[in-house]
Amino acid sequence: MEQKPNTGIFFRNEKKSAENQPDFKGKVNVNGKEMEVAVWLKKGQKGEYFTMKFQEPFKPQPQNKSFKNDIF
C-alpha cells in the first residue's frame, strides 16, 4: 500500500509473543521517505498512551552465492 506524504498506518501485531515486542506495527511516509513504525500501548498515571519507534525498512542482506564450503 502506497502512503501519501506525511501519513502512516499501523495494525495490531498478531505475532506478538513477548512483552517487549510492539503491540502494533506499520509504515509511515515522512517527507517522501518510507519508514517502519513499531507502537506500544502503555498505561500511566494519566491513562493510556502510545510510544513509537521509527526505523529504516528491513532489507535482508544478499546471499553470496559464489561462496563454496570446500575447506577440506
N, C-alpha and C. Protein backbone atom coordinates (compact mmCIF):
# COMPACT_ATOMS: atom_id res chain seq x y z
N MET A 1 0.84 -1.17 0.00
CA MET A 1 0.00 0.00 0.00
C MET A 1 0.89 1.24 0.00
N GLU A 2 0.66 2.10 -0.94
CA GLU A 2 1.46 3.33 -1.02
C GLU A 2 0.86 4.39 -0.10
N GLN A 3 1.73 5.02 0.65
CA GLN A 3 1.30 6.07 1.58
C GLN A 3 1.42 7.43 0.93
N LYS A 4 0.49 8.30 1.22
CA LYS A 4 0.61 9.70 0.81
C LYS A 4 1.67 10.34 1.70
N PRO A 5 2.31 11.42 1.22
CA PRO A 5 3.34 12.06 2.04
C PRO A 5 2.82 12.47 3.42
N ASN A 6 3.65 12.22 4.41
CA ASN A 6 3.40 12.59 5.80
C ASN A 6 2.15 11.93 6.38
N THR A 7 1.94 10.66 6.01
CA THR A 7 0.85 9.87 6.58
C THR A 7 1.41 8.52 6.99
N GLY A 8 0.62 7.75 7.69
CA GLY A 8 1.04 6.42 8.10
C GLY A 8 -0.14 5.56 8.51
N ILE A 9 0.14 4.29 8.73
CA ILE A 9 -0.87 3.35 9.14
C ILE A 9 -0.20 2.25 9.96
N PHE A 10 -0.88 1.76 10.99
CA PHE A 10 -0.36 0.61 11.73
C PHE A 10 -1.51 -0.29 12.14
N PHE A 11 -1.15 -1.57 12.35
CA PHE A 11 -2.11 -2.61 12.68
C PHE A 11 -1.64 -3.37 13.91
N ARG A 12 -2.57 -4.02 14.58
CA ARG A 12 -2.24 -4.83 15.75
C ARG A 12 -1.24 -5.90 15.35
N ASN A 13 -0.23 -6.12 16.17
CA ASN A 13 0.80 -7.13 15.94
C ASN A 13 0.26 -8.49 16.39
N GLU A 14 -0.29 -9.26 15.47
CA GLU A 14 -0.88 -10.56 15.79
C GLU A 14 0.18 -11.60 16.16
N LYS A 15 1.45 -11.33 15.85
CA LYS A 15 2.53 -12.27 16.14
C LYS A 15 3.26 -11.97 17.44
N LYS A 16 2.75 -11.03 18.24
CA LYS A 16 3.40 -10.65 19.49
C LYS A 16 3.46 -11.85 20.43
N SER A 17 4.67 -12.17 20.89
CA SER A 17 4.83 -13.32 21.79
C SER A 17 5.60 -12.97 23.06
N ALA A 18 6.06 -11.71 23.17
CA ALA A 18 6.79 -11.27 24.36
C ALA A 18 6.40 -9.83 24.67
N GLU A 19 6.50 -9.45 25.93
CA GLU A 19 6.09 -8.12 26.38
C GLU A 19 6.87 -7.00 25.72
N ASN A 20 8.13 -7.26 25.36
CA ASN A 20 8.95 -6.19 24.77
C ASN A 20 8.68 -6.01 23.27
N GLN A 21 7.89 -6.85 22.67
CA GLN A 21 7.54 -6.70 21.25
C GLN A 21 6.41 -5.68 21.12
N PRO A 22 6.35 -4.97 19.98
CA PRO A 22 5.33 -3.93 19.82
C PRO A 22 3.92 -4.49 19.76
N ASP A 23 2.97 -3.68 20.25
CA ASP A 23 1.55 -4.04 20.17
C ASP A 23 1.01 -3.82 18.76
N PHE A 24 1.61 -2.89 18.04
CA PHE A 24 1.19 -2.55 16.68
C PHE A 24 2.44 -2.36 15.81
N LYS A 25 2.32 -2.61 14.50
CA LYS A 25 3.41 -2.39 13.56
C LYS A 25 2.82 -1.79 12.29
N GLY A 26 3.61 -0.97 11.59
CA GLY A 26 3.12 -0.38 10.36
C GLY A 26 4.18 0.38 9.60
N LYS A 27 3.69 1.21 8.68
CA LYS A 27 4.58 2.00 7.84
C LYS A 27 4.09 3.45 7.82
N VAL A 28 5.04 4.36 7.71
CA VAL A 28 4.74 5.78 7.60
C VAL A 28 5.58 6.36 6.47
N ASN A 29 5.12 7.48 5.95
CA ASN A 29 5.85 8.20 4.92
C ASN A 29 6.10 9.60 5.48
N VAL A 30 7.37 9.91 5.70
CA VAL A 30 7.73 11.22 6.24
C VAL A 30 8.58 11.94 5.21
N ASN A 31 8.04 13.03 4.68
CA ASN A 31 8.74 13.82 3.65
C ASN A 31 9.19 12.95 2.48
N GLY A 32 8.34 12.01 2.08
CA GLY A 32 8.63 11.16 0.93
C GLY A 32 9.48 9.95 1.24
N LYS A 33 9.88 9.76 2.49
CA LYS A 33 10.72 8.62 2.86
C LYS A 33 9.89 7.61 3.65
N GLU A 34 9.85 6.35 3.16
CA GLU A 34 9.10 5.31 3.85
C GLU A 34 9.88 4.78 5.03
N MET A 35 9.21 4.67 6.16
CA MET A 35 9.80 4.16 7.39
C MET A 35 8.88 3.12 7.99
N GLU A 36 9.45 2.21 8.81
CA GLU A 36 8.65 1.28 9.59
C GLU A 36 8.42 1.90 10.96
N VAL A 37 7.26 1.60 11.54
CA VAL A 37 6.95 2.09 12.88
C VAL A 37 6.51 0.92 13.74
N ALA A 38 7.02 0.90 14.96
CA ALA A 38 6.60 -0.05 15.99
C ALA A 38 5.94 0.77 17.09
N VAL A 39 4.78 0.30 17.57
CA VAL A 39 3.98 1.08 18.52
C VAL A 39 3.63 0.21 19.73
N TRP A 40 3.84 0.76 20.92
CA TRP A 40 3.48 0.09 22.16
C TRP A 40 2.38 0.87 22.86
N LEU A 41 1.39 0.17 23.40
CA LEU A 41 0.34 0.78 24.20
C LEU A 41 0.77 0.68 25.65
N LYS A 42 0.89 1.81 26.31
CA LYS A 42 1.35 1.85 27.71
C LYS A 42 0.24 2.40 28.60
N LYS A 43 0.38 2.14 29.90
CA LYS A 43 -0.56 2.68 30.88
C LYS A 43 0.21 3.48 31.91
N GLY A 44 -0.25 4.69 32.18
CA GLY A 44 0.42 5.56 33.13
C GLY A 44 -0.59 6.18 34.09
N GLN A 45 -0.13 7.07 34.90
CA GLN A 45 -0.99 7.72 35.90
C GLN A 45 -2.11 8.52 35.25
N LYS A 46 -1.88 9.02 34.06
CA LYS A 46 -2.89 9.84 33.38
C LYS A 46 -3.68 9.05 32.34
N GLY A 47 -3.53 7.74 32.32
CA GLY A 47 -4.27 6.91 31.38
C GLY A 47 -3.36 6.21 30.39
N GLU A 48 -3.96 5.73 29.32
CA GLU A 48 -3.21 5.01 28.31
C GLU A 48 -2.58 5.98 27.31
N TYR A 49 -1.42 5.56 26.76
CA TYR A 49 -0.73 6.37 25.77
C TYR A 49 0.09 5.44 24.86
N PHE A 50 0.55 5.96 23.75
CA PHE A 50 1.37 5.20 22.81
C PHE A 50 2.81 5.68 22.86
N THR A 51 3.74 4.74 22.72
CA THR A 51 5.14 5.07 22.45
C THR A 51 5.48 4.45 21.10
N MET A 52 6.38 5.11 20.35
CA MET A 52 6.69 4.66 19.00
C MET A 52 8.18 4.63 18.75
N LYS A 53 8.56 3.77 17.83
CA LYS A 53 9.94 3.68 17.36
C LYS A 53 9.90 3.64 15.84
N PHE A 54 10.66 4.52 15.20
CA PHE A 54 10.73 4.57 13.74
C PHE A 54 12.09 4.05 13.30
N GLN A 55 12.09 3.31 12.20
CA GLN A 55 13.36 2.80 11.67
C GLN A 55 13.26 2.58 10.18
N GLU A 56 14.44 2.50 9.54
CA GLU A 56 14.51 2.21 8.11
C GLU A 56 13.87 0.84 7.87
N PRO A 57 13.21 0.64 6.73
CA PRO A 57 12.65 -0.68 6.42
C PRO A 57 13.73 -1.75 6.39
N PHE A 58 13.40 -2.93 6.89
CA PHE A 58 14.35 -4.05 6.91
C PHE A 58 14.62 -4.53 5.49
N LYS A 59 15.87 -4.65 5.16
CA LYS A 59 16.27 -5.18 3.86
C LYS A 59 17.26 -6.31 4.10
N PRO A 60 16.89 -7.54 3.79
CA PRO A 60 17.82 -8.65 4.03
C PRO A 60 19.10 -8.50 3.22
N GLN A 61 20.19 -8.93 3.80
CA GLN A 61 21.47 -8.87 3.11
C GLN A 61 21.48 -9.92 2.00
N PRO A 62 21.97 -9.57 0.82
CA PRO A 62 22.03 -10.56 -0.26
C PRO A 62 22.99 -11.68 0.09
N GLN A 63 22.61 -12.88 -0.26
CA GLN A 63 23.46 -14.05 -0.01
C GLN A 63 24.55 -14.11 -1.07
N ASN A 64 25.76 -14.42 -0.65
CA ASN A 64 26.88 -14.58 -1.56
C ASN A 64 26.81 -15.99 -2.12
N LYS A 65 26.27 -16.14 -3.32
CA LYS A 65 26.08 -17.46 -3.92
C LYS A 65 27.36 -18.04 -4.49
N SER A 66 28.39 -17.25 -4.61
CA SER A 66 29.64 -17.76 -5.15
C SER A 66 30.50 -18.42 -4.07
N PHE A 67 30.10 -18.29 -2.80
CA PHE A 67 30.87 -18.88 -1.71
C PHE A 67 30.73 -20.40 -1.75
N LYS A 68 31.84 -21.10 -1.67
CA LYS A 68 31.80 -22.56 -1.64
C LYS A 68 32.37 -23.02 -0.31
N ASN A 69 31.74 -24.02 0.23
CA ASN A 69 32.18 -24.57 1.51
C ASN A 69 33.07 -25.78 1.24
N ASP A 70 34.19 -25.55 0.59
CA ASP A 70 35.10 -26.65 0.25
C ASP A 70 36.44 -26.45 0.96
N ILE A 71 36.38 -26.31 2.28
CA ILE A 71 37.59 -26.08 3.07
C ILE A 71 38.46 -27.33 3.09
N PHE A 72 37.84 -28.49 3.08
CA PHE A 72 38.62 -29.75 3.19
C PHE A 72 38.91 -30.36 1.86
